[in-house]
């Protein structure tokens, strides 16, 4: 599986990038980078030279088992259904 970063910037103070890869056998690696809200990333990729180390205000990396990843998918699907109906929470 090739790594690709997903840009998220609909809520500027929570903008950043997310990457899903397989680093350890039998696990799913999720890594996020929160980017400072003063930098507009709407037209930028993560490897853009404008995104310097100083722009990254937080970085988190977690490893999920296959079962944990399935639980995450179920939670995401429920949240997507709720958001699609205009809900939150």
Protein backbone atom coordinates (compact mmCIF):
# COMPACT_ATOMS: atom_id res chain seq x y z
CA UNK A 1 0.00 0.00 0.00
CA UNK A 2 1.50 3.31 -1.04
CA UNK A 3 1.40 6.12 1.47
CA UNK A 4 -0.55 9.20 0.54
CA UNK A 5 -1.39 12.12 2.76
CA UNK A 6 -4.94 13.42 3.05
CA UNK A 7 -5.21 17.18 3.51
CA UNK A 8 -7.94 18.36 5.89
CA UNK A 9 -8.58 22.08 6.25
CA UNK A 10 -12.33 22.68 6.52
CA UNK A 11 -11.80 23.91 10.10
CA UNK A 12 -8.64 26.09 9.88
CA UNK A 13 -7.59 25.80 13.53
CA UNK A 14 -7.63 21.99 13.12
CA UNK A 15 -6.03 21.78 9.69
CA UNK A 16 -3.33 19.37 8.70
CA UNK A 17 -2.54 16.09 7.00
CA UNK A 18 -3.27 12.44 7.74
CA UNK A 19 -1.42 9.41 6.43
CA UNK A 20 -2.36 5.73 6.66
CA UNK A 21 0.36 3.12 6.11
CA UNK A 22 1.50 -0.33 7.19
CA UNK A 23 4.78 -0.11 9.09
CA UNK A 24 4.55 -3.04 11.51
CA UNK A 25 3.24 -6.44 10.33
CA UNK A 26 -0.44 -6.94 11.09
CA UNK A 27 -0.97 -3.29 12.07
CA UNK A 28 -2.24 -0.10 10.51
CA UNK A 29 -0.21 3.04 11.16
CA UNK A 30 -2.02 6.38 11.32
CA UNK A 31 -0.01 9.58 11.50
CA UNK A 32 -1.29 13.14 11.66
CA UNK A 33 0.41 16.50 11.35
CA UNK A 34 -1.43 19.59 12.63
CA UNK A 35 -0.41 22.68 10.66
CA UNK A 36 -0.49 26.20 12.13
CA UNK A 37 -3.74 27.94 11.09
CA UNK A 38 -1.90 31.03 9.82
CA UNK A 39 -0.62 28.98 6.87
CA UNK A 40 -3.22 28.41 4.13
CA UNK A 41 -2.75 24.79 3.05
CA UNK A 42 -5.76 24.66 0.71
CA UNK A 43 -3.53 24.41 -2.37
CA UNK A 44 -0.53 22.74 -0.75
CA UNK A 45 0.71 19.18 -0.52
CA UNK A 46 2.57 18.01 2.57
CA UNK A 47 5.93 18.14 0.78
CA UNK A 48 5.39 21.79 -0.22
CA UNK A 49 8.44 23.87 0.75
CA UNK A 50 6.12 26.41 2.41
CA UNK A 51 5.29 23.82 5.08
CA UNK A 52 8.35 24.03 7.28
CA UNK A 53 9.00 22.23 10.57
CA UNK A 54 7.93 25.42 12.36
CA UNK A 55 4.48 25.16 10.72
CA UNK A 56 3.87 21.72 12.23
CA UNK A 57 2.41 22.38 15.67
CA UNK A 58 1.55 18.76 16.54
CA UNK A 59 2.33 15.27 15.30
CA UNK A 60 0.76 12.01 16.42
CA UNK A 61 1.45 8.47 15.28
CA UNK A 62 -0.51 5.40 16.40
CA UNK A 63 -0.52 1.70 15.53
CA UNK A 64 -3.86 -0.11 15.32
CA UNK A 65 -4.44 -3.85 15.21
CA UNK A 66 -6.72 -5.07 12.43
CA UNK A 67 -9.59 -5.36 14.93
CA UNK A 68 -8.97 -1.84 16.24
CA UNK A 69 -8.91 -0.52 12.66
CA UNK A 70 -12.25 -2.24 11.97
CA UNK A 71 -13.70 -0.59 15.09
CA UNK A 72 -12.39 2.77 13.84
CA UNK A 73 -14.02 2.18 10.45
CA UNK A 74 -17.36 1.40 12.12
CA UNK A 75 -17.09 4.60 14.19
CA UNK A 76 -16.21 6.62 11.08
CA UNK A 77 -19.14 5.15 9.13
CA UNK A 78 -21.55 6.05 11.96
CA UNK A 79 -20.13 9.59 12.17
CA UNK A 80 -20.36 9.98 8.37
CA UNK A 81 -24.01 8.91 8.41
CA UNK A 82 -24.73 11.38 11.22
CA UNK A 83 -22.85 14.25 9.54
CA UNK A 84 -24.58 13.53 6.22
CA UNK A 85 -27.89 14.11 7.98
CA UNK A 86 -26.64 17.43 9.36
CA UNK A 87 -25.93 16.09 12.83
CA UNK A 88 -22.98 16.47 15.11
CA UNK A 89 -21.80 15.00 18.36
